[in-house]
Amino acid sequence: MDKAAILIDSSFGIRENTYSDVYIVPMEIIETNNGKVTSYLDQIEISNDQICEKIANGINIKTSQPVLGNVIKKIQELSSKYKQIYAFTIPSTISGTYNNWKMLEQEYKNLKVYDQTMVGRLSEWTIMDLVEANNTGKLNDQLITDYLERIKDKRAGVLVVPDISQLKNGGRVSNFKSILIKLLGLKLIITLDKFGLLFKDKSSKPEDAVKRANSILSTIIPLGKLPIKRFVVFTNSNSDKKFDIKHYVDILKILYPQTKMEFTNVPSVITAHVGPNYLAFGADLD
């Protein structure tokens, strides 16, 4: 039985050797400190905790695509061991990584690159399901295409950001809006689905922010109409204590008293854009 290689970037939040036949090319974390620019390979040369610490210390942090030379090197390495390579990237709606990897299909005929709509644990679920198919020799282009199409309307996530400082530093929020948001103590609500990361709403109270976020998620996928297969909550133990993210989580638990929840961090490349203070959650429906 010939198994395929599965190639991903570090936006999936998966570490090397976590799953059989899954390989990771790291994205880059770019630090600018007192005019000095330093690049780190995500998850290899810098951790999520270190990124949080740098942001807290006022150091400018941004992200970049995986170095294309590293991607090519990995494809060549895998081509010597596998007949087929299936590659998945951070969504094209928030990065140009997919388009650059897609061009490599012209040179490597055993490579097939797919766009997908999630990051972190939400995208890791995809890899988990595809690894299962790979282990039984059922992984192929049609299965992957059908799977990605099927989950578009059944899997999504929403992000509540009580501290927009990092969004402002990265240019995602204008100076005027950031001043207004801070003065009013607003929490931004951002969705992640097939349309990418979108600013959807804002709220002043944690309770209202979580409930609005949940309501928005229900408009994207049919929560309450289909059984929840998997549910994940993203938090950060390094959050500034003044934001009391645990309070946000407690509100979410009240909304979903019977739901089994997984808890994890968002990937480093998302932390670099939203900062260490956040609550995110997402669901995968049957």
C-alpha atoms as a PDB file:
ATOM      1  CA  MET A   1       0.000   0.000   0.000  1.00  0.00           C
ATOM      2  CA  ASP A   2       1.505   3.298  -1.116  1.00  0.00           C
ATOM      3  CA  LYS A   3       0.849   6.208   1.202  1.00  0.00           C
ATOM      4  CA  ALA A   4       1.166   9.841   0.184  1.00  0.00           C
ATOM      5  CA  ALA A   5       3.054  12.641   1.863  1.00  0.00           C
ATOM      6  CA  ILE A   6       1.020  15.490   3.352  1.00  0.00           C
ATOM      7  CA  LEU A   7       2.841  18.838   3.343  1.00  0.00           C
ATOM      8  CA  ILE A   8       1.622  21.849   5.330  1.00  0.00           C
ATOM      9  CA  ASP A   9       2.883  25.172   6.669  1.00  0.00           C
ATOM     10  CA  SER A  10       3.070  26.104  10.349  1.00  0.00           C
ATOM     11  CA  SER A  11      -0.285  27.951  10.360  1.00  0.00           C
ATOM     12  CA  PHE A  12      -1.824  24.563  11.197  1.00  0.00           C
ATOM     13  CA  GLY A  13      -0.136  24.667  14.602  1.00  0.00           C
ATOM     14  CA  ILE A  14       1.135  21.106  14.120  1.00  0.00           C
ATOM     15  CA  ARG A  15       4.654  20.107  15.075  1.00  0.00           C
ATOM     16  CA  GLU A  16       6.839  17.773  13.042  1.00  0.00           C
ATOM     17  CA  ASN A  17       6.330  14.045  13.741  1.00  0.00           C
ATOM     18  CA  THR A  18       2.886  14.562  15.296  1.00  0.00           C
ATOM     19  CA  TYR A  19       1.180  12.567  12.537  1.00  0.00           C
ATOM     20  CA  SER A  20       2.568   9.905  10.240  1.00  0.00           C
ATOM     21  CA  ASP A  21       3.538  11.115   6.751  1.00  0.00           C
ATOM     22  CA  VAL A  22       2.797  14.775   7.631  1.00  0.00           C
ATOM     23  CA  TYR A  23       5.595  17.302   7.086  1.00  0.00           C
ATOM     24  CA  ILE A  24       5.780  20.988   7.993  1.00  0.00           C
ATOM     25  CA  VAL A  25       7.466  23.945   6.325  1.00  0.00           C
ATOM     26  CA  PRO A  26       7.702  26.822   8.840  1.00  0.00           C
ATOM     27  CA  MET A  27       6.403  30.287   8.125  1.00  0.00           C
ATOM     28  CA  GLU A  28       8.591  33.219   9.165  1.00  0.00           C
ATOM     29  CA  ILE A  29       8.228  35.518  12.158  1.00  0.00           C
ATOM     30  CA  ILE A  30       9.810  38.927  11.519  1.00  0.00           C
ATOM     31  CA  GLU A  31      11.013  40.995  14.467  1.00  0.00           C
ATOM     32  CA  THR A  32      11.973  44.676  14.218  1.00  0.00           C
ATOM     33  CA  ASN A  33      13.671  45.925  17.372  1.00  0.00           C
ATOM     34  CA  ASN A  34      15.467  49.284  17.499  1.00  0.00           C
ATOM     35  CA  GLY A  35      15.872  49.225  13.730  1.00  0.00           C
ATOM     36  CA  LYS A  36      17.307  45.706  13.664  1.00  0.00           C
ATOM     37  CA  VAL A  37      15.312  43.160  11.660  1.00  0.00           C
ATOM     38  CA  THR A  38      15.534  39.483  12.627  1.00  0.00           C
ATOM     39  CA  SER A  39      13.759  36.557  10.970  1.00  0.00           C
ATOM     40  CA  TYR A  40      12.806  33.381  12.829  1.00  0.00           C
ATOM     41  CA  LEU A  41      11.488  30.075  11.557  1.00  0.00           C
ATOM     42  CA  ASP A  42       8.105  29.606  13.234  1.00  0.00           C
ATOM     43  CA  GLN A  43       7.995  26.827  15.870  1.00  0.00           C
ATOM     44  CA  ILE A  44      11.690  26.073  15.284  1.00  0.00           C
ATOM     45  CA  GLU A  45      13.576  29.226  16.209  1.00  0.00           C
ATOM     46  CA  ILE A  46      10.776  30.997  18.094  1.00  0.00           C
ATOM     47  CA  SER A  47       7.820  29.836  20.180  1.00  0.00           C
ATOM     48  CA  ASN A  48       4.336  31.231  20.701  1.00  0.00           C
ATOM     49  CA  ASP A  49       5.275  32.202  24.277  1.00  0.00           C
ATOM     50  CA  GLN A  50       8.337  34.094  23.037  1.00  0.00           C
ATOM     51  CA  ILE A  51       6.210  35.972  20.520  1.00  0.00           C
ATOM     52  CA  CYS A  52       3.789  36.963  23.289  1.00  0.00           C
ATOM     53  CA  GLU A  53       6.682  38.171  25.427  1.00  0.00           C
ATOM     54  CA  LYS A  54       8.144  40.253  22.599  1.00  0.00           C
ATOM     55  CA  ILE A  55       4.772  41.851  21.836  1.00  0.00           C
ATOM     56  CA  ALA A  56       4.289  42.639  25.541  1.00  0.00           C
ATOM     57  CA  ASN A  57       7.700  44.352  25.505  1.00  0.00           C
ATOM     58  CA  GLY A  58       6.690  46.562  22.584  1.00  0.00           C
ATOM     59  CA  ILE A  59       8.753  44.781  19.928  1.00  0.00           C
ATOM     60  CA  ASN A  60       7.308  44.929  16.416  1.00  0.00           C
ATOM     61  CA  ILE A  61       6.318  41.449  15.222  1.00  0.00           C
ATOM     62  CA  LYS A  62       5.042  40.491  11.778  1.00  0.00           C
ATOM     63  CA  THR A  63       4.812  37.313   9.709  1.00  0.00           C
ATOM     64  CA  SER A  64       5.922  36.170   6.285  1.00  0.00           C
ATOM     65  CA  GLN A  65       5.355  33.207   3.997  1.00  0.00           C
ATOM     66  CA  PRO A  66       7.601  30.154   4.192  1.00  0.00           C
ATOM     67  CA  VAL A  67      10.871  30.671   2.334  1.00  0.00           C
ATOM     68  CA  LEU A  68      10.174  29.252  -1.129  1.00  0.00           C
ATOM     69  CA  GLY A  69      13.608  27.640  -1.243  1.00  0.00           C
ATOM     70  CA  ASN A  70      12.745  25.677   1.897  1.00  0.00           C
ATOM     71  CA  VAL A  71       9.464  24.569   0.323  1.00  0.00           C
ATOM     72  CA  ILE A  72      11.237  23.340  -2.818  1.00  0.00           C
ATOM     73  CA  LYS A  73      13.874  21.554  -0.761  1.00  0.00           C
ATOM     74  CA  LYS A  74      11.168  19.748   1.226  1.00  0.00           C
ATOM     75  CA  ILE A  75       9.272  18.761  -1.947  1.00  0.00           C
ATOM     76  CA  GLN A  76      12.445  17.336  -3.479  1.00  0.00           C
ATOM     77  CA  GLU A  77      13.188  15.422  -0.288  1.00  0.00           C
ATOM     78  CA  LEU A  78       9.676  13.964  -0.145  1.00  0.00           C
ATOM     79  CA  SER A  79       9.686  13.118  -3.861  1.00  0.00           C
ATOM     80  CA  SER A  80      12.473  10.641  -3.238  1.00  0.00           C
ATOM     81  CA  LYS A  81      10.266   8.753  -0.760  1.00  0.00           C
ATOM     82  CA  TYR A  82       6.680   9.256  -1.939  1.00  0.00           C
ATOM     83  CA  LYS A  83       4.930   8.930  -5.283  1.00  0.00           C
ATOM     84  CA  GLN A  84       2.410  11.627  -4.378  1.00  0.00           C
ATOM     85  CA  ILE A  85       2.538  14.814  -2.278  1.00  0.00           C
ATOM     86  CA  TYR A  86      -0.645  16.594  -1.167  1.00  0.00           C
ATOM     87  CA  ALA A  87       0.057  20.116   0.123  1.00  0.00           C
ATOM     88  CA  PHE A  88      -2.131  22.479   2.163  1.00  0.00           C
ATOM     89  CA  THR A  89      -1.425  26.085   3.104  1.00  0.00           C
ATOM     90  CA  ILE A  90      -2.740  28.900   5.229  1.00  0.00           C
ATOM     91  CA  PRO A  91      -5.951  30.175   3.527  1.00  0.00           C
ATOM     92  CA  SER A  92      -5.431  32.202   0.365  1.00  0.00           C
ATOM     93  CA  THR A  93      -7.874  34.770   1.775  1.00  0.00           C
ATOM     94  CA  ILE A  94      -5.251  35.865   4.312  1.00  0.00           C
ATOM     95  CA  SER A  95      -1.919  35.002   2.646  1.00  0.00           C
ATOM     96  CA  GLY A  96      -0.282  34.604  -0.764  1.00  0.00           C
ATOM     97  CA  THR A  97       1.326  31.314   0.304  1.00  0.00           C
ATOM     98  CA  TYR A  98      -1.178  29.152  -1.587  1.00  0.00           C
ATOM     99  CA  ASN A  99      -0.604  30.937  -4.911  1.00  0.00           C
ATOM    100  CA  ASN A 100       3.174  30.544  -4.635  1.00  0.00           C
ATOM    101  CA  TRP A 101       2.961  26.848  -3.745  1.00  0.00           C
ATOM    102  CA  LYS A 102       0.392  26.275  -6.505  1.00  0.00           C
ATOM    103  CA  MET A 103       2.888  27.437  -9.127  1.00  0.00           C
ATOM    104  CA  LEU A 104       5.229  24.621  -8.085  1.00  0.00           C
ATOM    105  CA  GLU A 105       2.751  22.075  -9.467  1.00  0.00           C
ATOM    106  CA  GLN A 106       4.071  22.941 -12.940  1.00  0.00           C
ATOM    107  CA  GLU A 107       7.534  21.718 -12.011  1.00  0.00           C
ATOM    108  CA  TYR A 108       6.620  18.820  -9.713  1.00  0.00           C
ATOM    109  CA  LYS A 109       3.990  16.600 -11.337  1.00  0.00           C
ATOM    110  CA  ASN A 110       3.605  14.520  -8.175  1.00  0.00           C
ATOM    111  CA  LEU A 111       2.559  17.628  -6.209  1.00  0.00           C
ATOM    112  CA  LYS A 112      -1.032  18.731  -5.691  1.00  0.00           C
ATOM    113  CA  VAL A 113      -1.680  21.940  -3.719  1.00  0.00           C
ATOM    114  CA  TYR A 114      -5.021  22.714  -2.076  1.00  0.00           C
ATOM    115  CA  ASP A 115      -6.488  25.862  -0.615  1.00  0.00           C
ATOM    116  CA  GLN A 116      -8.379  25.503   2.669  1.00  0.00           C
ATOM    117  CA  THR A 117     -10.191  27.903   4.938  1.00  0.00           C
ATOM    118  CA  MET A 118      -8.954  27.336   8.485  1.00  0.00           C
ATOM    119  CA  VAL A 119      -5.927  27.785  10.762  1.00  0.00           C
ATOM    120  CA  GLY A 120      -4.742  26.120  13.960  1.00  0.00           C
ATOM    121  CA  ARG A 121      -6.778  23.309  15.469  1.00  0.00           C
ATOM    122  CA  LEU A 122      -9.589  23.959  12.977  1.00  0.00           C
ATOM    123  CA  SER A 123      -7.240  23.088  10.115  1.00  0.00           C
ATOM    124  CA  GLU A 124      -5.537  20.352  12.141  1.00  0.00           C
ATOM    125  CA  TRP A 125      -8.879  18.506  12.148  1.00  0.00           C
ATOM    126  CA  THR A 126      -8.563  18.359   8.357  1.00  0.00           C
ATOM    127  CA  ILE A 127      -5.119  16.800   8.598  1.00  0.00           C
ATOM    128  CA  MET A 128      -6.327  14.302  11.218  1.00  0.00           C
ATOM    129  CA  ASP A 129      -9.133  13.136   8.928  1.00  0.00           C
ATOM    130  CA  LEU A 130      -6.879  12.946   5.863  1.00  0.00           C
ATOM    131  CA  VAL A 131      -4.193  11.042   7.770  1.00  0.00           C
ATOM    132  CA  GLU A 132      -6.830   8.457   8.645  1.00  0.00           C
ATOM    133  CA  ALA A 133      -7.696   8.078   4.957  1.00  0.00           C
ATOM    134  CA  ASN A 134      -4.001   7.936   4.075  1.00  0.00           C
ATOM    135  CA  ASN A 135      -3.367   5.152   6.575  1.00  0.00           C
ATOM    136  CA  THR A 136      -5.980   3.005   4.845  1.00  0.00           C
ATOM    137  CA  GLY A 137      -4.757   3.794   1.336  1.00  0.00           C
ATOM    138  CA  LYS A 138      -7.871   5.814   0.448  1.00  0.00           C
ATOM    139  CA  LEU A 139      -6.322   9.281   0.140  1.00  0.00           C
ATOM    140  CA  ASN A 140      -6.635  10.719  -3.361  1.00  0.00           C
ATOM    141  CA  ASP A 141      -7.431  13.980  -5.128  1.00  0.00           C
ATOM    142  CA  GLN A 142     -11.178  13.354  -5.359  1.00  0.00           C
ATOM    143  CA  LEU A 143     -11.481  12.468  -1.681  1.00  0.00           C
ATOM    144  CA  ILE A 144      -9.605  15.624  -0.678  1.00  0.00           C
ATOM    145  CA  THR A 145     -11.586  17.875  -3.026  1.00  0.00           C
ATOM    146  CA  ASP A 146     -14.907  16.479  -1.784  1.00  0.00           C
ATOM    147  CA  TYR A 147     -13.808  16.756   1.858  1.00  0.00           C
ATOM    148  CA  LEU A 148     -12.730  20.413   1.575  1.00  0.00           C
ATOM    149  CA  GLU A 149     -15.954  21.322  -0.178  1.00  0.00           C
ATOM    150  CA  ARG A 150     -18.054  19.511   2.427  1.00  0.00           C
ATOM    151  CA  ILE A 151     -16.550  21.263   5.462  1.00  0.00           C
ATOM    152  CA  LYS A 152     -16.858  24.791   4.064  1.00  0.00           C
ATOM    153  CA  ASP A 153     -20.369  25.164   5.431  1.00  0.00           C
ATOM    154  CA  LYS A 154     -19.867  22.999   8.515  1.00  0.00           C
ATOM    155  CA  ARG A 155     -16.686  24.373  10.086  1.00  0.00           C
ATOM    156  CA  ALA A 156     -15.861  27.917  11.138  1.00  0.00           C
ATOM    157  CA  GLY A 157     -14.377  29.953  13.935  1.00  0.00           C
ATOM    158  CA  VAL A 158     -14.837  33.316  15.609  1.00  0.00           C
ATOM    159  CA  LEU A 159     -12.354  35.495  17.466  1.00  0.00           C
ATOM    160  CA  VAL A 160     -12.971  38.006  20.263  1.00  0.00           C
ATOM    161  CA  VAL A 161     -10.155  40.535  20.722  1.00  0.00           C
ATOM    162  CA  PRO A 162     -10.433  42.764  23.815  1.00  0.00           C
ATOM    163  CA  ASP A 163      -7.050  44.398  23.159  1.00  0.00           C
ATOM    164  CA  ILE A 164      -6.564  45.734  19.624  1.00  0.00           C
ATOM    165  CA  SER A 165      -3.005  47.042  20.164  1.00  0.00           C
ATOM    166  CA  GLN A 166      -1.349  44.416  17.960  1.00  0.00           C
ATOM    167  CA  LEU A 167      -4.001  44.740  15.259  1.00  0.00           C
ATOM    168  CA  LYS A 168      -3.241  48.464  15.204  1.00  0.00           C
ATOM    169  CA  ASN A 169       0.523  47.878  15.089  1.00  0.00           C
ATOM    170  CA  GLY A 170       0.078  45.556  12.119  1.00  0.00           C
ATOM    171  CA  GLY A 171      -2.062  48.084  10.253  1.00  0.00           C
ATOM    172  CA  ARG A 172      -5.229  45.967  10.508  1.00  0.00           C
ATOM    173  CA  VAL A 173      -7.006  48.728  12.431  1.00  0.00           C
ATOM    174  CA  SER A 174      -6.561  52.441  11.687  1.00  0.00           C
ATOM    175  CA  ASN A 175      -5.245  54.833  14.337  1.00  0.00           C
ATOM    176  CA  PHE A 176      -8.579  56.629  14.552  1.00  0.00           C
ATOM    177  CA  LYS A 177     -10.562  53.420  14.995  1.00  0.00           C
ATOM    178  CA  SER A 178      -8.096  52.083  17.550  1.00  0.00           C
ATOM    179  CA  ILE A 179      -8.362  55.240  19.667  1.00  0.00           C
ATOM    180  CA  LEU A 180     -12.155  55.087  19.515  1.00  0.00           C
ATOM    181  CA  ILE A 181     -12.228  51.368  20.350  1.00  0.00           C
ATOM    182  CA  LYS A 182      -9.929  51.861  23.339  1.00  0.00           C
ATOM    183  CA  LEU A 183     -11.869  54.873  24.649  1.00  0.00           C
ATOM    184  CA  LEU A 184     -15.131  52.926  24.528  1.00  0.00           C
ATOM    185  CA  GLY A 185     -13.557  49.726  25.842  1.00  0.00           C
ATOM    186  CA  LEU A 186     -14.847  47.745  22.874  1.00  0.00           C
ATOM    187  CA  LYS A 187     -14.025  44.136  22.041  1.00  0.00           C
ATOM    188  CA  LEU A 188     -13.712  43.314  18.339  1.00  0.00           C
ATOM    189  CA  ILE A 189     -15.396  40.209  16.940  1.00  0.00           C
ATOM    190  CA  ILE A 190     -13.694  38.622  13.937  1.00  0.00           C
ATOM    191  CA  THR A 191     -14.823  35.562  11.996  1.00  0.00           C
ATOM    192  CA  LEU A 192     -12.779  32.926  10.197  1.00  0.00           C
ATOM    193  CA  ASP A 193     -14.554  30.963   7.497  1.00  0.00           C
ATOM    194  CA  LYS A 194     -14.436  30.391   3.736  1.00  0.00           C
ATOM    195  CA  PHE A 195     -14.367  34.172   3.217  1.00  0.00           C
ATOM    196  CA  GLY A 196     -11.283  34.682   5.402  1.00  0.00           C
ATOM    197  CA  LEU A 197     -10.810  36.870   8.477  1.00  0.00           C
ATOM    198  CA  LEU A 198     -13.577  39.473   8.635  1.00  0.00           C
ATOM    199  CA  PHE A 199     -14.358  42.184  11.190  1.00  0.00           C
ATOM    200  CA  LYS A 200     -17.985  41.496  12.073  1.00  0.00           C
ATOM    201  CA  ASP A 201     -19.016  43.338  15.234  1.00  0.00           C
ATOM    202  CA  LYS A 202     -17.925  44.959  18.490  1.00  0.00           C
ATOM    203  CA  SER A 203     -19.153  44.990  22.060  1.00  0.00           C
ATOM    204  CA  SER A 204     -18.253  46.680  25.333  1.00  0.00           C
ATOM    205  CA  LYS A 205     -19.067  43.839  27.770  1.00  0.00           C
ATOM    206  CA  PRO A 206     -17.377  40.398  27.830  1.00  0.00           C
ATOM    207  CA  GLU A 207     -20.732  38.622  28.231  1.00  0.00           C
ATOM    208  CA  ASP A 208     -22.227  40.435  25.273  1.00  0.00           C
ATOM    209  CA  ALA A 209     -19.079  39.953  23.166  1.00  0.00           C
ATOM    210  CA  VAL A 210     -19.082  36.171  23.626  1.00  0.00           C
ATOM    211  CA  LYS A 211     -22.821  35.892  23.013  1.00  0.00           C
ATOM    212  CA  ARG A 212     -22.618  38.055  19.891  1.00  0.00           C
ATOM    213  CA  ALA A 213     -19.659  36.048  18.643  1.00  0.00           C
ATOM    214  CA  ASN A 214     -21.619  32.849  19.134  1.00  0.00           C
ATOM    215  CA  SER A 215     -24.632  34.323  17.370  1.00  0.00           C
ATOM    216  CA  ILE A 216     -22.460  35.344  14.431  1.00  0.00           C
ATOM    217  CA  LEU A 217     -20.936  31.862  14.266  1.00  0.00           C
ATOM    218  CA  SER A 218     -24.475  30.470  14.087  1.00  0.00           C
ATOM    219  CA  THR A 219     -25.102  32.510  10.933  1.00  0.00           C
ATOM    220  CA  ILE A 220     -22.063  30.952   9.237  1.00  0.00           C
ATOM    221  CA  ILE A 221     -22.645  27.314  10.126  1.00  0.00           C
ATOM    222  CA  PRO A 222     -25.930  25.723  11.287  1.00  0.00           C
ATOM    223  CA  LEU A 223     -25.185  25.496  15.005  1.00  0.00           C
ATOM    224  CA  GLY A 224     -28.153  23.954  16.808  1.00  0.00           C
ATOM    225  CA  LYS A 225     -29.389  22.283  13.633  1.00  0.00           C
ATOM    226  CA  LEU A 226     -26.565  19.768  13.188  1.00  0.00           C
ATOM    227  CA  PRO A 227     -24.719  17.844  15.921  1.00  0.00           C
ATOM    228  CA  ILE A 228     -21.364  19.266  17.027  1.00  0.00           C
ATOM    229  CA  LYS A 229     -18.614  16.835  16.085  1.00  0.00           C
ATOM    230  CA  ARG A 230     -15.732  18.857  17.524  1.00  0.00           C
ATOM    231  CA  PHE A 231     -15.486  22.145  19.416  1.00  0.00           C
ATOM    232  CA  VAL A 232     -12.305  24.034  20.197  1.00  0.00           C
ATOM    233  CA  VAL A 233     -11.566  27.021  22.420  1.00  0.00           C
ATOM    234  CA  PHE A 234      -8.403  29.068  21.851  1.00  0.00           C
ATOM    235  CA  THR A 235      -7.010  30.935  24.854  1.00  0.00           C
ATOM    236  CA  ASN A 236      -3.614  32.064  26.043  1.00  0.00           C
ATOM    237  CA  SER A 237      -2.193  31.596  29.532  1.00  0.00           C
ATOM    238  CA  ASN A 238       0.022  34.631  28.895  1.00  0.00           C
ATOM    239  CA  SER A 239      -2.927  36.996  28.463  1.00  0.00           C
ATOM    240  CA  ASP A 240      -2.746  40.272  30.364  1.00  0.00           C
ATOM    241  CA  LYS A 241      -4.574  39.706  33.653  1.00  0.00           C
ATOM    242  CA  LYS A 242      -6.590  42.889  33.240  1.00  0.00           C
ATOM    243  CA  PHE A 243      -8.545  41.253  30.415  1.00  0.00           C
ATOM    244  CA  ASP A 244      -9.503  38.153  32.464  1.00  0.00           C
ATOM    245  CA  ILE A 245      -9.865  35.806  29.501  1.00  0.00           C
ATOM    246  CA  LYS A 246     -10.990  33.070  31.897  1.00  0.00           C
ATOM    247  CA  HIS A 247     -14.179  35.064  32.410  1.00  0.00           C
ATOM    248  CA  TYR A 248     -14.824  34.901  28.662  1.00  0.00           C
ATOM    249  CA  VAL A 249     -14.304  31.129  28.735  1.00  0.00           C
ATOM    250  CA  ASP A 250     -16.727  30.731  31.641  1.00  0.00           C
ATOM    251  CA  ILE A 251     -19.405  32.544  29.637  1.00  0.00           C
ATOM    252  CA  LEU A 252     -18.794  30.222  26.705  1.00  0.00           C
ATOM    253  CA  LYS A 253     -19.127  27.166  28.943  1.00  0.00           C
ATOM    254  CA  ILE A 254     -22.530  28.422  30.067  1.00  0.00           C
ATOM    255  CA  LEU A 255     -23.601  28.647  26.426  1.00  0.00           C
ATOM    256  CA  TYR A 256     -22.380  25.082  25.764  1.00  0.00           C
ATOM    257  CA  PRO A 257     -22.854  23.155  29.037  1.00  0.00           C
ATOM    258  CA  GLN A 258     -23.012  19.714  27.388  1.00  0.00           C
ATOM    259  CA  THR A 259     -20.317  20.218  24.747  1.00  0.00           C
ATOM    260  CA  LYS A 260     -16.889  18.634  25.068  1.00  0.00           C
ATOM    261  CA  MET A 261     -14.347  21.379  24.463  1.00  0.00           C
ATOM    262  CA  GLU A 262     -10.731  21.175  23.369  1.00  0.00           C
ATOM    263  CA  PHE A 263      -8.447  23.958  24.636  1.00  0.00           C
ATOM    264  CA  THR A 264      -5.362  25.246  22.839  1.00  0.00           C
ATOM    265  CA  ASN A 265      -3.554  28.380  21.608  1.00  0.00           C
ATOM    266  CA  VAL A 266      -3.972  30.002  18.225  1.00  0.00           C
ATOM    267  CA  PRO A 267      -0.912  29.392  16.005  1.00  0.00           C
ATOM    268  CA  SER A 268       2.066  31.722  16.338  1.00  0.00           C
ATOM    269  CA  VAL A 269       1.316  33.380  12.995  1.00  0.00           C
ATOM    270  CA  ILE A 270      -2.120  34.429  14.278  1.00  0.00           C
ATOM    271  CA  THR A 271      -0.779  35.535  17.679  1.00  0.00           C
ATOM    272  CA  ALA A 272       1.642  37.767  15.777  1.00  0.00           C
ATOM    273  CA  HIS A 273      -1.342  39.628  14.274  1.00  0.00           C
ATOM    274  CA  VAL A 274      -3.867  39.731  17.129  1.00  0.00           C
ATOM    275  CA  GLY A 275      -1.537  39.713  20.141  1.00  0.00           C
ATOM    276  CA  PRO A 276      -1.654  37.543  23.272  1.00  0.00           C
ATOM    277  CA  ASN A 277      -5.071  38.713  24.502  1.00  0.00           C
ATOM    278  CA  TYR A 278      -7.908  36.879  22.798  1.00  0.00           C
ATOM    279  CA  LEU A 279     -10.663  34.296  23.028  1.00  0.00           C
ATOM    280  CA  ALA A 280     -11.466  32.283  19.923  1.00  0.00           C
ATOM    281  CA  PHE A 281     -13.680  29.295  19.405  1.00  0.00           C
ATOM    282  CA  GLY A 282     -14.815  27.165  16.516  1.00  0.00           C
ATOM    283  CA  ALA A 283     -16.968  24.181  15.706  1.00  0.00           C
ATOM    284  CA  ASP A 284     -16.980  21.291  13.281  1.00  0.00           C
ATOM    285  CA  LEU A 285     -20.446  19.907  12.618  1.00  0.00           C
ATOM    286  CA  ASP A 286     -21.481  16.410  11.541  1.00  0.00           C
END
